[in-house]
Amino acid sequence: MGIEEARPKIVEKLQKKGLLVDTDSEYTHSKSFNSRGGGAIEPQFKRTVVYRR
């Protein structure tokens, strides 16, 4: 599932659980785009595993 598909589903789940306080539909933010392909640059957080001896 892509980020654009996931956003509305996350909002829906948070609303069902009563965890979403408010949404501001007039809020705008800048989005970075790749200069070569024009695709959106979105952060993707990955789980980091550290092994210690």
C-alpha atoms as a PDB file:
ATOM      1  CA  MET A   1       0.000   0.000   0.000  1.00  0.00           C
ATOM      2  CA  GLY A   2       1.365   3.402  -0.941  1.00  0.00           C
ATOM      3  CA  ILE A   3       1.568   6.426   1.326  1.00  0.00           C
ATOM      4  CA  GLU A   4      -1.229   8.280  -0.478  1.00  0.00           C
ATOM      5  CA  GLU A   5      -3.552   5.275   0.008  1.00  0.00           C
ATOM      6  CA  ALA A   6      -2.560   4.787   3.634  1.00  0.00           C
ATOM      7  CA  ARG A   7      -3.154   8.343   4.896  1.00  0.00           C
ATOM      8  CA  PRO A   8      -6.991   8.336   4.730  1.00  0.00           C
ATOM      9  CA  LYS A   9      -7.120   4.830   6.220  1.00  0.00           C
ATOM     10  CA  ILE A  10      -4.940   5.899   9.150  1.00  0.00           C
ATOM     11  CA  VAL A  11      -7.207   8.897   9.793  1.00  0.00           C
ATOM     12  CA  GLU A  12     -10.258   6.615   9.696  1.00  0.00           C
ATOM     13  CA  LYS A  13      -8.724   4.158  12.183  1.00  0.00           C
ATOM     14  CA  LEU A  14      -7.712   6.950  14.560  1.00  0.00           C
ATOM     15  CA  GLN A  15     -11.237   8.410  14.417  1.00  0.00           C
ATOM     16  CA  LYS A  16     -12.817   5.015  15.173  1.00  0.00           C
ATOM     17  CA  LYS A  17     -10.578   4.611  18.237  1.00  0.00           C
ATOM     18  CA  GLY A  18     -11.271   8.167  19.405  1.00  0.00           C
ATOM     19  CA  LEU A  19      -7.597   9.104  19.189  1.00  0.00           C
ATOM     20  CA  LEU A  20      -7.899  11.860  16.587  1.00  0.00           C
ATOM     21  CA  VAL A  21      -8.527  15.263  18.134  1.00  0.00           C
ATOM     22  CA  ASP A  22      -8.937  17.437  15.050  1.00  0.00           C
ATOM     23  CA  THR A  23      -8.095  17.677  11.366  1.00  0.00           C
ATOM     24  CA  ASP A  24      -7.416  20.933   9.549  1.00  0.00           C
ATOM     25  CA  SER A  25      -8.350  20.661   5.878  1.00  0.00           C
ATOM     26  CA  GLU A  26      -6.974  24.154   5.192  1.00  0.00           C
ATOM     27  CA  TYR A  27      -3.463  23.244   6.387  1.00  0.00           C
ATOM     28  CA  THR A  28      -0.935  22.987   3.565  1.00  0.00           C
ATOM     29  CA  HIS A  29       2.617  21.727   3.671  1.00  0.00           C
ATOM     30  CA  SER A  30       5.398  21.534   1.132  1.00  0.00           C
ATOM     31  CA  LYS A  31       6.344  18.244  -0.426  1.00  0.00           C
ATOM     32  CA  SER A  32       9.713  17.387  -1.960  1.00  0.00           C
ATOM     33  CA  PHE A  33       9.885  15.918  -5.450  1.00  0.00           C
ATOM     34  CA  ASN A  34      12.671  14.078  -7.239  1.00  0.00           C
ATOM     35  CA  SER A  35      14.293  16.259  -9.899  1.00  0.00           C
ATOM     36  CA  ARG A  36      14.825  13.337 -12.296  1.00  0.00           C
ATOM     37  CA  GLY A  37      11.615  11.349 -12.188  1.00  0.00           C
ATOM     38  CA  GLY A  38       9.310  13.843 -10.494  1.00  0.00           C
ATOM     39  CA  GLY A  39       8.215  11.351  -7.835  1.00  0.00           C
ATOM     40  CA  ALA A  40       7.394  12.481  -4.311  1.00  0.00           C
ATOM     41  CA  ILE A  41      10.103  12.052  -1.679  1.00  0.00           C
ATOM     42  CA  GLU A  42       8.533  10.700   1.506  1.00  0.00           C
ATOM     43  CA  PRO A  43      10.278   9.547   4.673  1.00  0.00           C
ATOM     44  CA  GLN A  44       9.986   5.829   5.287  1.00  0.00           C
ATOM     45  CA  PHE A  45      10.805   4.843   8.822  1.00  0.00           C
ATOM     46  CA  LYS A  46      12.291   1.401   9.203  1.00  0.00           C
ATOM     47  CA  ARG A  47      12.797  -0.611  12.337  1.00  0.00           C
ATOM     48  CA  THR A  48      16.440  -0.724  13.377  1.00  0.00           C
ATOM     49  CA  VAL A  49      17.828  -3.812  15.041  1.00  0.00           C
ATOM     50  CA  VAL A  50      21.084  -3.553  16.976  1.00  0.00           C
ATOM     51  CA  TYR A  51      22.903  -6.663  18.120  1.00  0.00           C
ATOM     52  CA  ARG A  52      25.347  -6.387  20.998  1.00  0.00           C
ATOM     53  CA  ARG A  53      27.757  -8.981  22.270  1.00  0.00           C
END
